Amino acid sequence: MPTVTVKILRGRSREKLRDTMAGITDVVCTRLNYDPKHVSVYIEEVDHDAFMEAGQTGAEMIEKFGVIEKYQGN
C-alpha cells in the first residue's frame, strides 16, 4: 500500500491540490500496478516562514524579491 507525501508551499487552490494528488495516484497505479483504492497521497502545506533555503525564509525571499522565483508556479 504505497503512501506518498508531498511538501508544498501554502497558497495553491484546492482544485490544484486535488489535481496533483489525482495525478500522483495515477502515476503510482500505472508504474507500480496498484489499484487506486490502495494508494494514499498526502499534501503537507508549509507556511512561507516555516521554510528556509540559502539562509532566508520563504517569507524573507518574498519580501526581498516579491516572489520565490523557482516556486512561483501556481
Protein backbone atom coordinates (compact mmCIF):
# COMPACT_ATOMS: atom_id res chain seq x y z
CA MET A 1 0.00 0.00 0.00
CA PRO A 2 2.03 2.99 -1.25
CA THR A 3 1.85 6.25 0.66
CA VAL A 4 3.19 9.40 -1.00
CA THR A 5 3.75 12.65 0.92
CA VAL A 6 4.39 15.94 -0.87
CA LYS A 7 5.51 19.11 0.92
CA ILE A 8 4.49 22.27 -0.88
CA LEU A 9 4.41 25.95 -0.04
CA ARG A 10 0.97 27.11 1.04
CA GLY A 11 -1.12 29.02 -1.47
CA ARG A 12 -2.34 26.60 -4.13
CA SER A 13 -6.06 26.25 -4.77
CA ARG A 14 -7.92 23.20 -3.51
CA GLU A 15 -8.53 22.28 -7.16
CA LYS A 16 -4.79 22.33 -7.95
CA LEU A 17 -4.01 20.24 -4.86
CA ARG A 18 -6.71 17.71 -5.77
CA ASP A 19 -5.46 17.51 -9.38
CA THR A 20 -1.92 16.99 -8.10
CA MET A 21 -2.99 14.18 -5.78
CA ALA A 22 -5.01 12.55 -8.58
CA GLY A 23 -2.01 12.76 -10.93
CA ILE A 24 0.31 11.22 -8.35
CA THR A 25 -2.20 8.44 -7.74
CA ASP A 26 -2.38 7.77 -11.49
CA VAL A 27 1.41 7.55 -11.79
CA VAL A 28 1.74 5.19 -8.83
CA CYS A 29 -1.03 2.96 -10.16
CA THR A 30 0.34 2.92 -13.71
CA ARG A 31 4.03 2.49 -12.88
CA LEU A 32 3.69 0.15 -9.90
CA ASN A 33 0.48 -1.72 -10.83
CA TYR A 34 -1.57 -0.74 -7.80
CA ASP A 35 -5.31 -0.32 -7.56
CA PRO A 36 -6.16 3.32 -6.66
CA LYS A 37 -8.01 2.14 -3.55
CA HIS A 38 -4.63 1.07 -2.12
CA VAL A 39 -2.77 4.35 -2.77
CA SER A 40 -2.65 7.20 -0.24
CA VAL A 41 -1.41 10.69 -1.12
CA TYR A 42 -0.88 13.45 1.43
CA ILE A 43 -0.01 17.06 0.75
CA GLU A 44 1.58 18.96 3.60
CA GLU A 45 1.30 22.69 3.04
CA VAL A 46 4.16 24.69 4.53
CA ASP A 47 3.90 28.34 5.52
CA HIS A 48 6.39 30.65 3.84
CA ASP A 49 8.00 31.46 7.19
CA ALA A 50 8.42 27.74 8.01
CA PHE A 51 10.74 27.10 5.06
CA MET A 52 14.35 28.19 4.63
CA GLU A 53 16.77 27.98 1.75
CA ALA A 54 20.19 29.60 1.45
CA GLY A 55 19.76 31.19 4.88
CA GLN A 56 16.50 33.00 4.08
CA THR A 57 12.94 32.04 4.92
CA GLY A 58 10.38 31.93 2.14
CA ALA A 59 8.72 34.98 3.68
CA GLU A 60 12.04 36.88 3.55
CA MET A 61 12.53 35.92 -0.09
CA ILE A 62 9.06 37.16 -0.96
CA GLU A 63 9.70 40.39 0.93
CA LYS A 64 13.02 40.91 -0.85
CA PHE A 65 12.17 39.71 -4.37
CA GLY A 66 8.36 39.79 -4.46
CA VAL A 67 8.21 36.07 -5.19
CA ILE A 68 10.17 32.91 -4.60
CA GLU A 69 11.20 32.61 -8.25
CA LYS A 70 11.66 28.88 -8.52
CA TYR A 71 8.39 28.23 -6.68
CA GLN A 72 6.15 30.70 -8.45
CA GLY A 73 4.15 28.12 -10.42
CA ASN A 74 0.52 28.31 -9.35
